[in-house]
Amino acid sequence: FASCGGPSKKGNDKGERPITNSSAKEQSFENTKINTLDSIPLQTFNVDIAGDDEMVIGEKRSCYILPKNCFLDENGKPVNRGITVELRELNAMQDFIKGGISTMSNGKLLCTGGSYYFNAKANGKNLKINPAVKPVGLFPGVKKGKDMGFLKGK
């Protein structure tokens, strides 16, 4: 999922300074994954939704409410036990730089409220979201506005 708005604004309103050549020389980047999604930590959560709804909260505060029967196996049957939820959260500029991620539409860079990878597995196989009983996602820092919307990644 990506929360996106209109063209990005230039400038840095947090007062952050770019890395200078002198400080870059002092840093070692050996064995560092940069510009790959693998450089963003994968969080995993074991959930059981056979009874009550389950809530998953990521380290960067994205929140997912998982109701019973919201996941289906490859045969279209509900899966409620033995579920592993995988999550990656990108909601700060350094996440996008580190992950080599940008949000674009029609060749233009969009302002982003964050990008989130969400996947569910059981027995090592990816599950599908049940269109009749969908999980709910809540995303921190995403401001409502006429120019903001959600994009589904592939």
C-alpha atoms as a PDB file:
ATOM      1  CA  PHE A   1       0.000   0.000   0.000  1.00  0.00           C
ATOM      2  CA  ALA A   2       1.170   3.530  -0.587  1.00  0.00           C
ATOM      3  CA  SER A   3      -0.491   6.688   0.599  1.00  0.00           C
ATOM      4  CA  CYS A   4       0.159   9.367  -1.956  1.00  0.00           C
ATOM      5  CA  GLY A   5      -0.683  12.941  -2.790  1.00  0.00           C
ATOM      6  CA  GLY A   6       0.180  15.530  -5.398  1.00  0.00           C
ATOM      7  CA  PRO A   7       3.660  16.484  -6.569  1.00  0.00           C
ATOM      8  CA  SER A   8       6.240  16.516  -3.787  1.00  0.00           C
ATOM      9  CA  LYS A   9       7.295  19.735  -2.138  1.00  0.00           C
ATOM     10  CA  LYS A  10      10.923  20.759  -2.258  1.00  0.00           C
ATOM     11  CA  GLY A  11      12.868  21.581   0.868  1.00  0.00           C
ATOM     12  CA  ASN A  12      13.364  20.044   4.240  1.00  0.00           C
ATOM     13  CA  ASP A  13      11.178  21.359   7.028  1.00  0.00           C
ATOM     14  CA  LYS A  14      12.791  19.182   9.724  1.00  0.00           C
ATOM     15  CA  GLY A  15      16.132  20.989   9.695  1.00  0.00           C
ATOM     16  CA  GLU A  16      18.006  17.839   8.697  1.00  0.00           C
ATOM     17  CA  ARG A  17      21.400  18.269   7.094  1.00  0.00           C
ATOM     18  CA  PRO A  18      22.608  16.220   4.141  1.00  0.00           C
ATOM     19  CA  ILE A  19      25.671  14.016   4.558  1.00  0.00           C
ATOM     20  CA  THR A  20      28.746  15.942   3.504  1.00  0.00           C
ATOM     21  CA  ASN A  21      31.670  14.411   1.646  1.00  0.00           C
ATOM     22  CA  SER A  22      33.829  14.511   4.781  1.00  0.00           C
ATOM     23  CA  SER A  23      31.286  12.601   6.907  1.00  0.00           C
ATOM     24  CA  ALA A  24      30.574  10.127   4.106  1.00  0.00           C
ATOM     25  CA  LYS A  25      34.272   9.186   3.994  1.00  0.00           C
ATOM     26  CA  GLU A  26      34.179   8.297   7.680  1.00  0.00           C
ATOM     27  CA  GLN A  27      31.280   5.866   7.257  1.00  0.00           C
ATOM     28  CA  SER A  28      31.738   2.265   6.162  1.00  0.00           C
ATOM     29  CA  PHE A  29      29.105   0.917   3.792  1.00  0.00           C
ATOM     30  CA  GLU A  30      30.601  -2.557   3.511  1.00  0.00           C
ATOM     31  CA  ASN A  31      27.899  -5.256   3.685  1.00  0.00           C
ATOM     32  CA  THR A  32      25.181  -2.581   3.864  1.00  0.00           C
ATOM     33  CA  LYS A  33      22.079  -3.103   1.766  1.00  0.00           C
ATOM     34  CA  ILE A  34      21.118   0.197   0.177  1.00  0.00           C
ATOM     35  CA  ASN A  35      18.432   0.886  -2.415  1.00  0.00           C
ATOM     36  CA  THR A  36      16.717  -2.465  -2.004  1.00  0.00           C
ATOM     37  CA  LEU A  37      13.479  -3.286  -0.253  1.00  0.00           C
ATOM     38  CA  ASP A  38      15.460  -5.917   1.694  1.00  0.00           C
ATOM     39  CA  SER A  39      17.193  -3.035   3.495  1.00  0.00           C
ATOM     40  CA  ILE A  40      13.869  -2.226   5.216  1.00  0.00           C
ATOM     41  CA  PRO A  41      13.381  -4.567   8.209  1.00  0.00           C
ATOM     42  CA  LEU A  42      10.789  -7.301   7.752  1.00  0.00           C
ATOM     43  CA  GLN A  43       8.597  -7.574  10.824  1.00  0.00           C
ATOM     44  CA  THR A  44       6.728 -10.829  11.440  1.00  0.00           C
ATOM     45  CA  PHE A  45       3.743 -11.497  13.689  1.00  0.00           C
ATOM     46  CA  ASN A  46       2.137 -14.849  14.506  1.00  0.00           C
ATOM     47  CA  VAL A  47      -1.628 -14.428  14.725  1.00  0.00           C
ATOM     48  CA  ASP A  48      -4.643 -16.558  15.510  1.00  0.00           C
ATOM     49  CA  ILE A  49      -7.995 -15.114  14.448  1.00  0.00           C
ATOM     50  CA  ALA A  50     -10.172 -18.180  15.111  1.00  0.00           C
ATOM     51  CA  GLY A  51     -11.787 -16.359  18.049  1.00  0.00           C
ATOM     52  CA  ASP A  52     -11.527 -12.614  18.513  1.00  0.00           C
ATOM     53  CA  ASP A  53     -10.211 -10.133  15.979  1.00  0.00           C
ATOM     54  CA  GLU A  54      -6.453  -9.659  16.165  1.00  0.00           C
ATOM     55  CA  MET A  55      -4.614  -6.337  16.018  1.00  0.00           C
ATOM     56  CA  VAL A  56      -1.091  -6.063  14.597  1.00  0.00           C
ATOM     57  CA  ILE A  57       0.881  -2.881  15.287  1.00  0.00           C
ATOM     58  CA  GLY A  58       4.161  -2.300  13.467  1.00  0.00           C
ATOM     59  CA  GLU A  59       7.265  -0.670  14.923  1.00  0.00           C
ATOM     60  CA  LYS A  60       6.453   2.540  13.048  1.00  0.00           C
ATOM     61  CA  ARG A  61       2.845   2.469  14.274  1.00  0.00           C
ATOM     62  CA  SER A  62       0.901   1.204  11.267  1.00  0.00           C
ATOM     63  CA  CYS A  63      -2.004  -0.817  12.627  1.00  0.00           C
ATOM     64  CA  TYR A  64      -3.970  -3.686  11.082  1.00  0.00           C
ATOM     65  CA  ILE A  65      -7.209  -5.128  12.418  1.00  0.00           C
ATOM     66  CA  LEU A  66      -7.619  -8.727  11.291  1.00  0.00           C
ATOM     67  CA  PRO A  67     -11.154 -10.141  11.592  1.00  0.00           C
ATOM     68  CA  LYS A  68     -11.977 -13.844  11.538  1.00  0.00           C
ATOM     69  CA  ASN A  69     -12.017 -15.306   7.974  1.00  0.00           C
ATOM     70  CA  CYS A  70     -10.172 -12.337   6.414  1.00  0.00           C
ATOM     71  CA  PHE A  71      -7.556 -14.641   4.824  1.00  0.00           C
ATOM     72  CA  LEU A  72      -8.119 -17.404   2.280  1.00  0.00           C
ATOM     73  CA  ASP A  73      -5.858 -20.248   1.150  1.00  0.00           C
ATOM     74  CA  GLU A  74      -5.182 -21.171  -2.488  1.00  0.00           C
ATOM     75  CA  ASN A  75      -8.482 -23.110  -2.555  1.00  0.00           C
ATOM     76  CA  GLY A  76     -10.531 -20.159  -1.306  1.00  0.00           C
ATOM     77  CA  LYS A  77     -11.050 -21.626   2.171  1.00  0.00           C
ATOM     78  CA  PRO A  78     -10.732 -19.372   5.251  1.00  0.00           C
ATOM     79  CA  VAL A  79      -7.529 -19.674   7.284  1.00  0.00           C
ATOM     80  CA  ASN A  80      -7.697 -18.499  10.905  1.00  0.00           C
ATOM     81  CA  ARG A  81      -4.845 -20.334  12.659  1.00  0.00           C
ATOM     82  CA  GLY A  82      -1.102 -20.581  12.103  1.00  0.00           C
ATOM     83  CA  ILE A  83      -0.919 -17.247  10.258  1.00  0.00           C
ATOM     84  CA  THR A  84       2.289 -15.262   9.936  1.00  0.00           C
ATOM     85  CA  VAL A  85       1.850 -11.616   8.989  1.00  0.00           C
ATOM     86  CA  GLU A  86       4.815  -9.932   7.290  1.00  0.00           C
ATOM     87  CA  LEU A  87       5.129  -6.159   7.408  1.00  0.00           C
ATOM     88  CA  ARG A  88       7.532  -3.509   6.105  1.00  0.00           C
ATOM     89  CA  GLU A  89       6.881   0.131   6.939  1.00  0.00           C
ATOM     90  CA  LEU A  90       8.304   3.064   5.000  1.00  0.00           C
ATOM     91  CA  ASN A  91       7.091   6.360   6.382  1.00  0.00           C
ATOM     92  CA  ALA A  92      10.217   8.496   6.716  1.00  0.00           C
ATOM     93  CA  MET A  93      12.442   9.991   4.016  1.00  0.00           C
ATOM     94  CA  GLN A  94      15.401   7.814   5.060  1.00  0.00           C
ATOM     95  CA  ASP A  95      13.263   4.680   4.559  1.00  0.00           C
ATOM     96  CA  PHE A  96      12.583   5.621   0.942  1.00  0.00           C
ATOM     97  CA  ILE A  97      16.229   6.448   0.272  1.00  0.00           C
ATOM     98  CA  LYS A  98      17.502   3.297   1.982  1.00  0.00           C
ATOM     99  CA  GLY A  99      14.909   1.149   0.205  1.00  0.00           C
ATOM    100  CA  GLY A 100      15.391   2.806  -3.197  1.00  0.00           C
ATOM    101  CA  ILE A 101      11.657   3.454  -3.279  1.00  0.00           C
ATOM    102  CA  SER A 102       9.789   6.357  -4.845  1.00  0.00           C
ATOM    103  CA  THR A 103       6.128   6.949  -5.522  1.00  0.00           C
ATOM    104  CA  MET A 104       5.487   8.084  -9.079  1.00  0.00           C
ATOM    105  CA  SER A 105       2.484   8.623 -11.314  1.00  0.00           C
ATOM    106  CA  ASN A 106       2.655   9.544 -14.986  1.00  0.00           C
ATOM    107  CA  GLY A 107       6.385  10.178 -14.621  1.00  0.00           C
ATOM    108  CA  LYS A 108       5.939  12.647 -11.741  1.00  0.00           C
ATOM    109  CA  LEU A 109       7.149  12.190  -8.185  1.00  0.00           C
ATOM    110  CA  LEU A 110       4.288  12.197  -5.690  1.00  0.00           C
ATOM    111  CA  CYS A 111       4.233  13.427  -2.131  1.00  0.00           C
ATOM    112  CA  THR A 112       3.846  10.338   0.053  1.00  0.00           C
ATOM    113  CA  GLY A 113       2.285   9.615   3.390  1.00  0.00           C
ATOM    114  CA  GLY A 114       4.142   6.287   3.509  1.00  0.00           C
ATOM    115  CA  SER A 115       4.393   2.894   1.837  1.00  0.00           C
ATOM    116  CA  TYR A 116       3.592  -0.358   3.577  1.00  0.00           C
ATOM    117  CA  TYR A 117       4.222  -3.979   2.605  1.00  0.00           C
ATOM    118  CA  PHE A 118       1.682  -6.377   4.135  1.00  0.00           C
ATOM    119  CA  ASN A 119       1.571 -10.116   3.480  1.00  0.00           C
ATOM    120  CA  ALA A 120       0.043 -13.099   5.267  1.00  0.00           C
ATOM    121  CA  LYS A 121       1.225 -16.713   5.078  1.00  0.00           C
ATOM    122  CA  ALA A 122       0.209 -20.074   6.472  1.00  0.00           C
ATOM    123  CA  ASN A 123       2.317 -23.215   6.121  1.00  0.00           C
ATOM    124  CA  GLY A 124       4.818 -21.192   4.078  1.00  0.00           C
ATOM    125  CA  LYS A 125       2.235 -20.258   1.420  1.00  0.00           C
ATOM    126  CA  ASN A 126       0.889 -16.794   0.703  1.00  0.00           C
ATOM    127  CA  LEU A 127      -2.715 -16.198   1.672  1.00  0.00           C
ATOM    128  CA  LYS A 128      -5.246 -14.065  -0.186  1.00  0.00           C
ATOM    129  CA  ILE A 129      -7.418 -11.357   1.318  1.00  0.00           C
ATOM    130  CA  ASN A 130     -11.044 -12.385   1.519  1.00  0.00           C
ATOM    131  CA  PRO A 131     -13.034  -9.765  -0.460  1.00  0.00           C
ATOM    132  CA  ALA A 132     -16.048 -10.383   1.828  1.00  0.00           C
ATOM    133  CA  VAL A 133     -14.129  -9.838   5.109  1.00  0.00           C
ATOM    134  CA  LYS A 134     -11.193  -7.502   4.588  1.00  0.00           C
ATOM    135  CA  PRO A 135      -8.569  -6.487   7.147  1.00  0.00           C
ATOM    136  CA  VAL A 136      -8.501  -2.806   8.076  1.00  0.00           C
ATOM    137  CA  GLY A 137      -5.273  -0.783   7.904  1.00  0.00           C
ATOM    138  CA  LEU A 138      -4.630   2.430   9.836  1.00  0.00           C
ATOM    139  CA  PHE A 139      -1.566   4.454   8.894  1.00  0.00           C
ATOM    140  CA  PRO A 140       0.171   7.092  11.043  1.00  0.00           C
ATOM    141  CA  GLY A 141       0.777  10.541   9.670  1.00  0.00           C
ATOM    142  CA  VAL A 142      -1.495  10.113   6.669  1.00  0.00           C
ATOM    143  CA  LYS A 143      -3.467  13.318   6.398  1.00  0.00           C
ATOM    144  CA  LYS A 144      -6.866  13.330   4.824  1.00  0.00           C
ATOM    145  CA  GLY A 145      -7.114  15.604   1.856  1.00  0.00           C
ATOM    146  CA  LYS A 146      -8.566  15.776  -1.579  1.00  0.00           C
ATOM    147  CA  ASP A 147      -5.162  15.069  -3.144  1.00  0.00           C
ATOM    148  CA  MET A 148      -4.328  11.993  -1.034  1.00  0.00           C
ATOM    149  CA  GLY A 149      -5.309   8.456  -1.957  1.00  0.00           C
ATOM    150  CA  PHE A 150      -4.126   4.845  -1.759  1.00  0.00           C
ATOM    151  CA  LEU A 151      -2.326   2.886  -4.442  1.00  0.00           C
ATOM    152  CA  LYS A 152      -2.092  -0.908  -4.455  1.00  0.00           C
ATOM    153  CA  GLY A 153       1.347  -2.209  -5.357  1.00  0.00           C
ATOM    154  CA  LYS A 154       2.164  -5.477  -7.074  1.00  0.00           C
END
